[in-house]
Amino acid sequence: MPTFPENVLDLLNANMGGFNSTMGLRFIKATPEEYVAEIEITDRHLQPYGLVHGGVYAGMIETLCSTGAALTVWEENKHTVGLENNTSFLKAVRGGRLRCTARPLVLGNRSHVWEASVHDGENRLVAAGRVRLLVLEPGAQAAGVQIEMQTDATRPNPGSS
């Protein structure tokens, strides 16, 4: 299992660009065995019927599973990319806070499978999913671009997939 710096939460939250920032995602726990993040629901998270958009659940699940997988192979200078995200929407939510928790199911040399659950502010399970990821060796290509060996200072945000 990898070792994380003491400030891993600060690092994750400080580098939360793009979609994760737009969602308002905030990590509250990051260990090799479990990742937890929350969002506070606002109008930007709702679909036309006033319910949380399914993409929010899928995005939370993707982000936490991808972050966990990326950090698991970080010290080996490997990378991960998502291959599948299967998210089930179990209960409608209109507001409040959502908390997502992700844990590894399989940590293989070539692929990972992670599982995540999303609970509302009353601790009701509202969504669940699994993400399958490919582990990329240094020098591998993703989307036609070679992934270079990188130093700690130049590595991309592990929270992106």
N, C-alpha and C. Protein backbone atom coordinates (compact mmCIF):
# COMPACT_ATOMS: atom_id res chain seq x y z
N MET A 1 0.84 -1.19 0.00
CA MET A 1 0.00 0.00 0.00
C MET A 1 0.88 1.25 0.00
N PRO A 2 0.41 2.30 -0.65
CA PRO A 2 1.20 3.53 -0.71
C PRO A 2 1.23 4.25 0.63
N THR A 3 2.19 5.12 0.76
CA THR A 3 2.24 6.01 1.92
C THR A 3 1.92 7.41 1.42
N PHE A 4 1.13 8.13 2.18
CA PHE A 4 0.72 9.47 1.79
C PHE A 4 1.38 10.51 2.68
N PRO A 5 1.63 11.69 2.13
CA PRO A 5 2.11 12.76 3.00
C PRO A 5 1.01 13.15 3.99
N GLU A 6 1.40 13.73 5.11
CA GLU A 6 0.41 14.13 6.12
C GLU A 6 -0.63 15.09 5.57
N ASN A 7 -0.24 15.90 4.59
CA ASN A 7 -1.13 16.92 4.05
C ASN A 7 -1.85 16.46 2.77
N VAL A 8 -2.08 15.16 2.63
CA VAL A 8 -2.70 14.65 1.41
C VAL A 8 -4.06 15.29 1.14
N LEU A 9 -4.85 15.53 2.17
CA LEU A 9 -6.16 16.17 1.96
C LEU A 9 -6.00 17.59 1.44
N ASP A 10 -5.05 18.32 2.01
CA ASP A 10 -4.79 19.68 1.54
C ASP A 10 -4.37 19.67 0.08
N LEU A 11 -3.50 18.73 -0.29
CA LEU A 11 -3.03 18.63 -1.67
C LEU A 11 -4.17 18.29 -2.62
N LEU A 12 -5.00 17.33 -2.26
CA LEU A 12 -6.13 16.96 -3.11
C LEU A 12 -7.09 18.13 -3.29
N ASN A 13 -7.46 18.76 -2.20
CA ASN A 13 -8.44 19.84 -2.27
C ASN A 13 -7.89 21.09 -2.94
N ALA A 14 -6.59 21.34 -2.84
CA ALA A 14 -5.98 22.51 -3.48
C ALA A 14 -5.87 22.34 -4.99
N ASN A 15 -5.91 21.11 -5.46
CA ASN A 15 -5.74 20.82 -6.89
C ASN A 15 -7.02 20.27 -7.52
N MET A 16 -8.14 20.70 -7.03
CA MET A 16 -9.44 20.17 -7.43
C MET A 16 -9.99 20.92 -8.64
N GLY A 17 -9.30 20.99 -9.72
CA GLY A 17 -9.74 21.78 -10.86
C GLY A 17 -10.93 21.22 -11.60
N GLY A 18 -11.31 21.92 -12.67
CA GLY A 18 -12.32 21.47 -13.62
C GLY A 18 -13.65 21.08 -13.04
N PHE A 19 -14.15 19.93 -13.48
CA PHE A 19 -15.48 19.45 -13.10
C PHE A 19 -15.61 19.28 -11.60
N ASN A 20 -14.56 18.77 -10.95
CA ASN A 20 -14.63 18.55 -9.50
C ASN A 20 -14.82 19.86 -8.75
N SER A 21 -14.14 20.89 -9.20
CA SER A 21 -14.30 22.21 -8.60
C SER A 21 -15.71 22.75 -8.85
N THR A 22 -16.19 22.57 -10.07
CA THR A 22 -17.54 23.02 -10.42
C THR A 22 -18.59 22.33 -9.56
N MET A 23 -18.38 21.03 -9.28
CA MET A 23 -19.32 20.30 -8.41
C MET A 23 -19.24 20.77 -6.97
N GLY A 24 -18.11 21.38 -6.59
CA GLY A 24 -17.92 21.78 -5.19
C GLY A 24 -17.45 20.62 -4.32
N LEU A 25 -16.81 19.64 -4.93
CA LEU A 25 -16.35 18.45 -4.22
C LEU A 25 -15.22 18.81 -3.26
N ARG A 26 -15.26 18.21 -2.08
CA ARG A 26 -14.23 18.44 -1.06
C ARG A 26 -13.91 17.12 -0.38
N PHE A 27 -12.63 16.70 -0.46
CA PHE A 27 -12.20 15.48 0.22
C PHE A 27 -12.13 15.72 1.72
N ILE A 28 -12.61 14.75 2.48
CA ILE A 28 -12.53 14.83 3.93
C ILE A 28 -11.74 13.67 4.53
N LYS A 29 -11.44 12.66 3.70
CA LYS A 29 -10.61 11.54 4.14
C LYS A 29 -9.93 10.93 2.93
N ALA A 30 -8.64 10.58 3.09
CA ALA A 30 -7.90 9.92 2.02
C ALA A 30 -6.88 8.99 2.66
N THR A 31 -7.19 7.70 2.61
CA THR A 31 -6.27 6.67 3.08
C THR A 31 -6.19 5.62 1.98
N PRO A 32 -5.18 4.76 1.98
CA PRO A 32 -5.11 3.74 0.94
C PRO A 32 -6.34 2.83 0.90
N GLU A 33 -7.05 2.70 2.01
CA GLU A 33 -8.21 1.81 2.07
C GLU A 33 -9.55 2.51 1.83
N GLU A 34 -9.57 3.86 1.92
CA GLU A 34 -10.86 4.55 1.84
C GLU A 34 -10.67 6.03 1.51
N TYR A 35 -11.54 6.51 0.60
CA TYR A 35 -11.57 7.92 0.22
C TYR A 35 -12.98 8.42 0.45
N VAL A 36 -13.10 9.60 1.05
CA VAL A 36 -14.42 10.17 1.35
C VAL A 36 -14.40 11.64 0.93
N ALA A 37 -15.48 12.06 0.25
CA ALA A 37 -15.63 13.45 -0.16
C ALA A 37 -17.09 13.84 -0.06
N GLU A 38 -17.33 15.13 0.03
CA GLU A 38 -18.69 15.65 0.16
C GLU A 38 -18.93 16.80 -0.80
N ILE A 39 -20.20 17.02 -1.10
CA ILE A 39 -20.65 18.24 -1.76
C ILE A 39 -21.92 18.71 -1.07
N GLU A 40 -22.12 20.01 -1.10
CA GLU A 40 -23.35 20.62 -0.63
C GLU A 40 -24.18 20.91 -1.87
N ILE A 41 -25.41 20.38 -1.93
CA ILE A 41 -26.26 20.53 -3.11
C ILE A 41 -26.71 21.98 -3.26
N THR A 42 -26.55 22.49 -4.48
CA THR A 42 -27.05 23.81 -4.84
C THR A 42 -27.86 23.66 -6.13
N ASP A 43 -28.40 24.75 -6.63
CA ASP A 43 -29.17 24.70 -7.88
C ASP A 43 -28.37 24.14 -9.04
N ARG A 44 -27.05 24.34 -9.05
CA ARG A 44 -26.23 23.86 -10.17
C ARG A 44 -26.20 22.33 -10.27
N HIS A 45 -26.58 21.62 -9.20
CA HIS A 45 -26.56 20.16 -9.17
C HIS A 45 -27.89 19.54 -9.60
N LEU A 46 -28.90 20.36 -9.85
CA LEU A 46 -30.25 19.85 -10.08
C LEU A 46 -30.60 19.74 -11.56
N GLN A 47 -31.41 18.73 -11.89
CA GLN A 47 -31.98 18.62 -13.23
C GLN A 47 -33.33 19.36 -13.23
N PRO A 48 -34.01 19.45 -14.37
CA PRO A 48 -35.23 20.27 -14.45
C PRO A 48 -36.35 19.93 -13.46
N TYR A 49 -36.42 18.71 -12.94
CA TYR A 49 -37.45 18.35 -11.98
C TYR A 49 -37.06 18.70 -10.54
N GLY A 50 -35.92 19.35 -10.37
CA GLY A 50 -35.48 19.74 -9.04
C GLY A 50 -34.78 18.65 -8.26
N LEU A 51 -34.41 17.58 -8.93
CA LEU A 51 -33.69 16.47 -8.31
C LEU A 51 -32.21 16.56 -8.65
N VAL A 52 -31.36 16.00 -7.79
CA VAL A 52 -29.94 15.96 -8.10
C VAL A 52 -29.74 15.19 -9.40
N HIS A 53 -29.00 15.78 -10.31
CA HIS A 53 -28.72 15.19 -11.62
C HIS A 53 -27.88 13.92 -11.43
N GLY A 54 -28.19 12.87 -12.18
CA GLY A 54 -27.46 11.62 -12.10
C GLY A 54 -25.97 11.77 -12.36
N GLY A 55 -25.61 12.75 -13.17
CA GLY A 55 -24.20 13.00 -13.45
C GLY A 55 -23.41 13.41 -12.22
N VAL A 56 -24.10 14.01 -11.25
CA VAL A 56 -23.42 14.38 -10.00
C VAL A 56 -22.98 13.12 -9.27
N TYR A 57 -23.89 12.16 -9.15
CA TYR A 57 -23.54 10.90 -8.48
C TYR A 57 -22.41 10.19 -9.23
N ALA A 58 -22.57 10.07 -10.55
CA ALA A 58 -21.55 9.40 -11.37
C ALA A 58 -20.22 10.13 -11.28
N GLY A 59 -20.27 11.47 -11.26
CA GLY A 59 -19.04 12.25 -11.15
C GLY A 59 -18.34 12.07 -9.82
N MET A 60 -19.12 12.04 -8.74
CA MET A 60 -18.53 11.81 -7.43
C MET A 60 -17.87 10.44 -7.38
N ILE A 61 -18.59 9.43 -7.85
CA ILE A 61 -18.08 8.06 -7.83
C ILE A 61 -16.82 7.96 -8.68
N GLU A 62 -16.85 8.52 -9.88
CA GLU A 62 -15.69 8.50 -10.77
C GLU A 62 -14.49 9.18 -10.13
N THR A 63 -14.71 10.33 -9.54
CA THR A 63 -13.61 11.09 -8.96
C THR A 63 -12.96 10.35 -7.80
N LEU A 64 -13.76 9.83 -6.89
CA LEU A 64 -13.18 9.16 -5.73
C LEU A 64 -12.48 7.87 -6.11
N CYS A 65 -13.09 7.09 -6.99
CA CYS A 65 -12.45 5.84 -7.42
C CYS A 65 -11.18 6.14 -8.21
N SER A 66 -11.22 7.12 -9.09
CA SER A 66 -10.05 7.48 -9.88
C SER A 66 -8.93 8.02 -9.01
N THR A 67 -9.28 8.82 -8.04
CA THR A 67 -8.27 9.36 -7.12
C THR A 67 -7.61 8.24 -6.34
N GLY A 68 -8.44 7.33 -5.82
CA GLY A 68 -7.88 6.20 -5.08
C GLY A 68 -6.96 5.36 -5.92
N ALA A 69 -7.37 5.06 -7.14
CA ALA A 69 -6.54 4.25 -8.03
C ALA A 69 -5.24 4.98 -8.37
N ALA A 70 -5.34 6.27 -8.68
CA ALA A 70 -4.14 7.04 -9.03
C ALA A 70 -3.15 7.09 -7.88
N LEU A 71 -3.65 7.31 -6.68
CA LEU A 71 -2.74 7.39 -5.54
C LEU A 71 -2.17 6.03 -5.17
N THR A 72 -2.88 4.97 -5.47
CA THR A 72 -2.38 3.63 -5.18
C THR A 72 -1.13 3.31 -6.00
N VAL A 73 -1.05 3.80 -7.24
CA VAL A 73 0.11 3.50 -8.09
C VAL A 73 1.09 4.67 -8.20
N TRP A 74 0.83 5.74 -7.46
CA TRP A 74 1.61 6.98 -7.51
C TRP A 74 3.10 6.73 -7.29
N GLU A 75 3.43 5.99 -6.24
CA GLU A 75 4.84 5.79 -5.90
C GLU A 75 5.58 4.93 -6.93
N GLU A 76 4.84 4.22 -7.77
CA GLU A 76 5.45 3.42 -8.84
C GLU A 76 5.58 4.22 -10.13
N ASN A 77 5.22 5.51 -10.08
CA ASN A 77 5.21 6.41 -11.23
C ASN A 77 4.33 5.87 -12.35
N LYS A 78 3.26 5.19 -11.97
CA LYS A 78 2.28 4.71 -12.93
C LYS A 78 1.07 5.64 -12.87
N HIS A 79 0.19 5.49 -13.83
CA HIS A 79 -1.01 6.29 -13.92
C HIS A 79 -2.20 5.35 -14.12
N THR A 80 -3.39 5.87 -13.93
CA THR A 80 -4.59 5.08 -14.18
C THR A 80 -5.57 5.90 -15.00
N VAL A 81 -6.35 5.22 -15.81
CA VAL A 81 -7.43 5.84 -16.57
C VAL A 81 -8.67 4.97 -16.43
N GLY A 82 -9.81 5.62 -16.36
CA GLY A 82 -11.07 4.90 -16.21
C GLY A 82 -11.47 4.19 -17.49
N LEU A 83 -12.02 2.98 -17.32
CA LEU A 83 -12.54 2.22 -18.45
C LEU A 83 -14.06 2.08 -18.39
N GLU A 84 -14.59 2.00 -17.17
CA GLU A 84 -16.05 1.85 -16.98
C GLU A 84 -16.46 2.55 -15.70
N ASN A 85 -17.63 3.13 -15.74
CA ASN A 85 -18.27 3.67 -14.54
C ASN A 85 -19.72 3.20 -14.59
N ASN A 86 -20.08 2.31 -13.68
CA ASN A 86 -21.46 1.83 -13.57
C ASN A 86 -22.05 2.41 -12.30
N THR A 87 -22.97 3.35 -12.47
CA THR A 87 -23.57 4.02 -11.32
C THR A 87 -25.07 3.76 -11.32
N SER A 88 -25.58 3.34 -10.17
CA SER A 88 -27.01 3.14 -9.99
C SER A 88 -27.56 4.24 -9.10
N PHE A 89 -28.67 4.83 -9.52
CA PHE A 89 -29.34 5.88 -8.76
C PHE A 89 -30.44 5.21 -7.96
N LEU A 90 -30.37 5.30 -6.64
CA LEU A 90 -31.24 4.51 -5.78
C LEU A 90 -32.33 5.30 -5.09
N LYS A 91 -32.10 6.57 -4.84
CA LYS A 91 -33.09 7.39 -4.14
C LYS A 91 -32.93 8.84 -4.59
N ALA A 92 -34.04 9.49 -4.90
CA ALA A 92 -34.00 10.89 -5.34
C ALA A 92 -33.65 11.81 -4.17
N VAL A 93 -32.87 12.84 -4.49
CA VAL A 93 -32.46 13.85 -3.51
C VAL A 93 -32.69 15.22 -4.10
N ARG A 94 -33.18 16.16 -3.29
CA ARG A 94 -33.43 17.53 -3.74
C ARG A 94 -32.48 18.55 -3.13
N GLY A 95 -31.82 18.22 -2.04
CA GLY A 95 -30.94 19.20 -1.42
C GLY A 95 -30.14 18.57 -0.30
N GLY A 96 -29.40 19.41 0.40
CA GLY A 96 -28.60 18.94 1.52
C GLY A 96 -27.18 18.61 1.11
N ARG A 97 -26.61 17.64 1.78
CA ARG A 97 -25.22 17.25 1.57
C ARG A 97 -25.17 15.80 1.08
N LEU A 98 -24.25 15.56 0.15
CA LEU A 98 -23.98 14.20 -0.31
C LEU A 98 -22.56 13.83 0.10
N ARG A 99 -22.41 12.61 0.59
CA ARG A 99 -21.10 12.09 0.98
C ARG A 99 -20.84 10.81 0.20
N CYS A 100 -19.71 10.78 -0.48
CA CYS A 100 -19.31 9.61 -1.26
C CYS A 100 -18.12 8.95 -0.58
N THR A 101 -18.16 7.62 -0.51
CA THR A 101 -17.07 6.83 0.05
C THR A 101 -16.67 5.78 -0.97
N ALA A 102 -15.37 5.69 -1.25
CA ALA A 102 -14.85 4.73 -2.23
C ALA A 102 -13.80 3.83 -1.58
N ARG A 103 -13.84 2.56 -1.99
CA ARG A 103 -12.89 1.57 -1.49
C ARG A 103 -12.47 0.65 -2.63
N PRO A 104 -11.22 0.16 -2.59
CA PRO A 104 -10.79 -0.76 -3.64
C PRO A 104 -11.39 -2.15 -3.46
N LEU A 105 -11.76 -2.77 -4.57
CA LEU A 105 -12.18 -4.17 -4.56
C LEU A 105 -11.06 -5.07 -5.07
N VAL A 106 -10.43 -4.65 -6.18
CA VAL A 106 -9.34 -5.40 -6.78
C VAL A 106 -8.25 -4.42 -7.16
N LEU A 107 -7.03 -4.68 -6.70
CA LEU A 107 -5.88 -3.86 -7.04
C LEU A 107 -4.87 -4.72 -7.80
N GLY A 108 -5.14 -4.94 -9.07
CA GLY A 108 -4.25 -5.75 -9.89
C GLY A 108 -3.11 -4.95 -10.46
N ASN A 109 -2.17 -5.63 -11.09
CA ASN A 109 -1.04 -4.95 -11.72
C ASN A 109 -1.45 -4.19 -12.97
N ARG A 110 -2.49 -4.66 -13.65
CA ARG A 110 -2.92 -4.04 -14.91
C ARG A 110 -4.27 -3.34 -14.82
N SER A 111 -5.07 -3.70 -13.83
CA SER A 111 -6.36 -3.03 -13.69
C SER A 111 -6.81 -3.01 -12.23
N HIS A 112 -7.65 -2.05 -11.94
CA HIS A 112 -8.25 -1.91 -10.61
C HIS A 112 -9.76 -1.90 -10.77
N VAL A 113 -10.44 -2.35 -9.74
CA VAL A 113 -11.89 -2.16 -9.63
C VAL A 113 -12.14 -1.54 -8.27
N TRP A 114 -12.85 -0.43 -8.28
CA TRP A 114 -13.19 0.31 -7.06
C TRP A 114 -14.70 0.38 -6.93
N GLU A 115 -15.17 0.44 -5.70
CA GLU A 115 -16.60 0.52 -5.41
C GLU A 115 -16.85 1.77 -4.58
N ALA A 116 -17.98 2.43 -4.84
CA ALA A 116 -18.29 3.65 -4.10
C ALA A 116 -19.78 3.70 -3.78
N SER A 117 -20.09 4.38 -2.69
CA SER A 117 -21.49 4.60 -2.30
C SER A 117 -21.66 6.08 -1.98
N VAL A 118 -22.86 6.58 -2.26
CA VAL A 118 -23.20 7.97 -1.98
C VAL A 118 -24.39 7.96 -1.02
N HIS A 119 -24.23 8.68 0.08
CA HIS A 119 -25.28 8.80 1.09
C HIS A 119 -25.70 10.26 1.21
N ASP A 120 -26.97 10.47 1.56
CA ASP A 120 -27.45 11.83 1.78
C ASP A 120 -27.19 12.24 3.23
N GLY A 121 -27.65 13.43 3.60
CA GLY A 121 -27.42 13.96 4.94
C GLY A 121 -28.07 13.16 6.05
N GLU A 122 -29.04 12.30 5.70
CA GLU A 122 -29.69 11.43 6.69
C GLU A 122 -29.10 10.02 6.66
N ASN A 123 -27.95 9.89 6.00
CA ASN A 123 -27.21 8.63 5.87
C ASN A 123 -27.98 7.55 5.11
N ARG A 124 -28.87 7.97 4.20
CA ARG A 124 -29.57 7.02 3.33
C ARG A 124 -28.73 6.79 2.08
N LEU A 125 -28.61 5.54 1.66
CA LEU A 125 -27.89 5.22 0.43
C LEU A 125 -28.70 5.74 -0.75
N VAL A 126 -28.11 6.65 -1.54
CA VAL A 126 -28.84 7.25 -2.66
C VAL A 126 -28.25 6.86 -4.01
N ALA A 127 -27.00 6.40 -4.04
CA ALA A 127 -26.38 5.93 -5.29
C ALA A 127 -25.21 5.01 -4.94
N ALA A 128 -24.91 4.11 -5.85
CA ALA A 128 -23.78 3.19 -5.67
C ALA A 128 -23.19 2.90 -7.03
N GLY A 129 -21.89 2.62 -7.05
CA GLY A 129 -21.27 2.34 -8.33
C GLY A 129 -19.93 1.65 -8.22
N ARG A 130 -19.47 1.20 -9.38
CA ARG A 130 -18.15 0.59 -9.52
C ARG A 130 -17.46 1.23 -10.70
N VAL A 131 -16.15 1.40 -10.54
CA VAL A 131 -15.32 1.95 -11.61
C VAL A 131 -14.18 0.98 -11.87
N ARG A 132 -13.99 0.64 -13.13
CA ARG A 132 -12.86 -0.21 -13.55
C ARG A 132 -11.85 0.69 -14.23
N LEU A 133 -10.57 0.53 -13.83
CA LEU A 133 -9.52 1.40 -14.32
C LEU A 133 -8.36 0.58 -14.87
N LEU A 134 -7.70 1.12 -15.87
CA LEU A 134 -6.51 0.53 -16.45
C LEU A 134 -5.29 1.19 -15.83
N VAL A 135 -4.30 0.37 -15.42
CA VAL A 135 -3.04 0.89 -14.89
C VAL A 135 -2.08 1.06 -16.06
N LEU A 136 -1.55 2.28 -16.21
CA LEU A 136 -0.64 2.59 -17.31
C LEU A 136 0.80 2.64 -16.81
N GLU A 137 1.66 1.94 -17.52
CA GLU A 137 3.09 1.96 -17.23
C GLU A 137 3.68 3.29 -17.71
N PRO A 138 4.81 3.70 -17.14
CA PRO A 138 5.49 4.90 -17.67
C PRO A 138 5.77 4.73 -19.16
N GLY A 139 5.52 5.77 -19.92
CA GLY A 139 5.72 5.72 -21.36
C GLY A 139 4.50 5.30 -22.15
N ALA A 140 3.45 4.85 -21.47
CA ALA A 140 2.22 4.45 -22.16
C ALA A 140 1.53 5.68 -22.75
N GLN A 141 0.63 5.44 -23.68
CA GLN A 141 -0.12 6.53 -24.28
C GLN A 141 -1.55 6.52 -23.78
N ALA A 142 -2.09 7.72 -23.61
CA ALA A 142 -3.51 7.91 -23.29
C ALA A 142 -4.03 9.01 -24.19
N ALA A 143 -5.07 8.72 -24.95
CA ALA A 143 -5.66 9.67 -25.90
C ALA A 143 -4.60 10.17 -26.88
N GLY A 144 -3.69 9.28 -27.30
CA GLY A 144 -2.70 9.61 -28.30
C GLY A 144 -1.50 10.39 -27.81
N VAL A 145 -1.40 10.61 -26.50
CA VAL A 145 -0.28 11.35 -25.94
C VAL A 145 0.49 10.44 -25.00
N GLN A 146 1.82 10.42 -25.16
CA GLN A 146 2.64 9.59 -24.30
C GLN A 146 2.68 10.17 -22.90
N ILE A 147 2.50 9.30 -21.92
CA ILE A 147 2.59 9.72 -20.52
C ILE A 147 4.04 9.63 -20.12
N GLU A 148 4.61 10.76 -19.75
CA GLU A 148 6.03 10.86 -19.44
C GLU A 148 6.28 10.56 -17.97
N MET A 149 7.50 10.12 -17.68
CA MET A 149 7.94 10.02 -16.29
C MET A 149 7.93 11.44 -15.73
N GLN A 150 7.43 11.61 -14.52
CA GLN A 150 7.30 12.94 -13.96
C GLN A 150 7.82 12.97 -12.54
N THR A 151 8.21 14.15 -12.15
CA THR A 151 8.63 14.35 -10.77
C THR A 151 7.41 14.71 -9.94
N ASP A 152 7.55 14.70 -8.62
CA ASP A 152 6.43 15.07 -7.76
C ASP A 152 5.90 16.45 -8.10
N ALA A 153 6.76 17.36 -8.48
CA ALA A 153 6.34 18.74 -8.76
C ALA A 153 5.56 18.86 -10.08
N THR A 154 5.75 17.91 -11.00
CA THR A 154 5.10 18.05 -12.30
C THR A 154 4.00 17.03 -12.56
N ARG A 155 3.72 16.16 -11.59
CA ARG A 155 2.67 15.18 -11.78
C ARG A 155 1.32 15.86 -11.81
N PRO A 156 0.41 15.33 -12.65
CA PRO A 156 -0.93 15.91 -12.69
C PRO A 156 -1.71 15.61 -11.42
N ASN A 157 -2.80 16.32 -11.25
CA ASN A 157 -3.69 16.11 -10.11
C ASN A 157 -4.19 14.68 -10.13
N PRO A 158 -3.95 13.91 -9.04
CA PRO A 158 -4.42 12.53 -9.03
C PRO A 158 -5.94 12.40 -8.97
N GLY A 159 -6.66 13.50 -8.76
CA GLY A 159 -8.11 13.44 -8.69
C GLY A 159 -8.79 13.52 -10.04
N SER A 160 -8.03 13.61 -11.11
CA SER A 160 -8.64 13.67 -12.43
C SER A 160 -8.52 12.32 -13.09
N SER A 161 -9.47 12.01 -13.93
CA SER A 161 -9.41 10.69 -14.58
C SER A 161 -9.19 10.82 -16.05
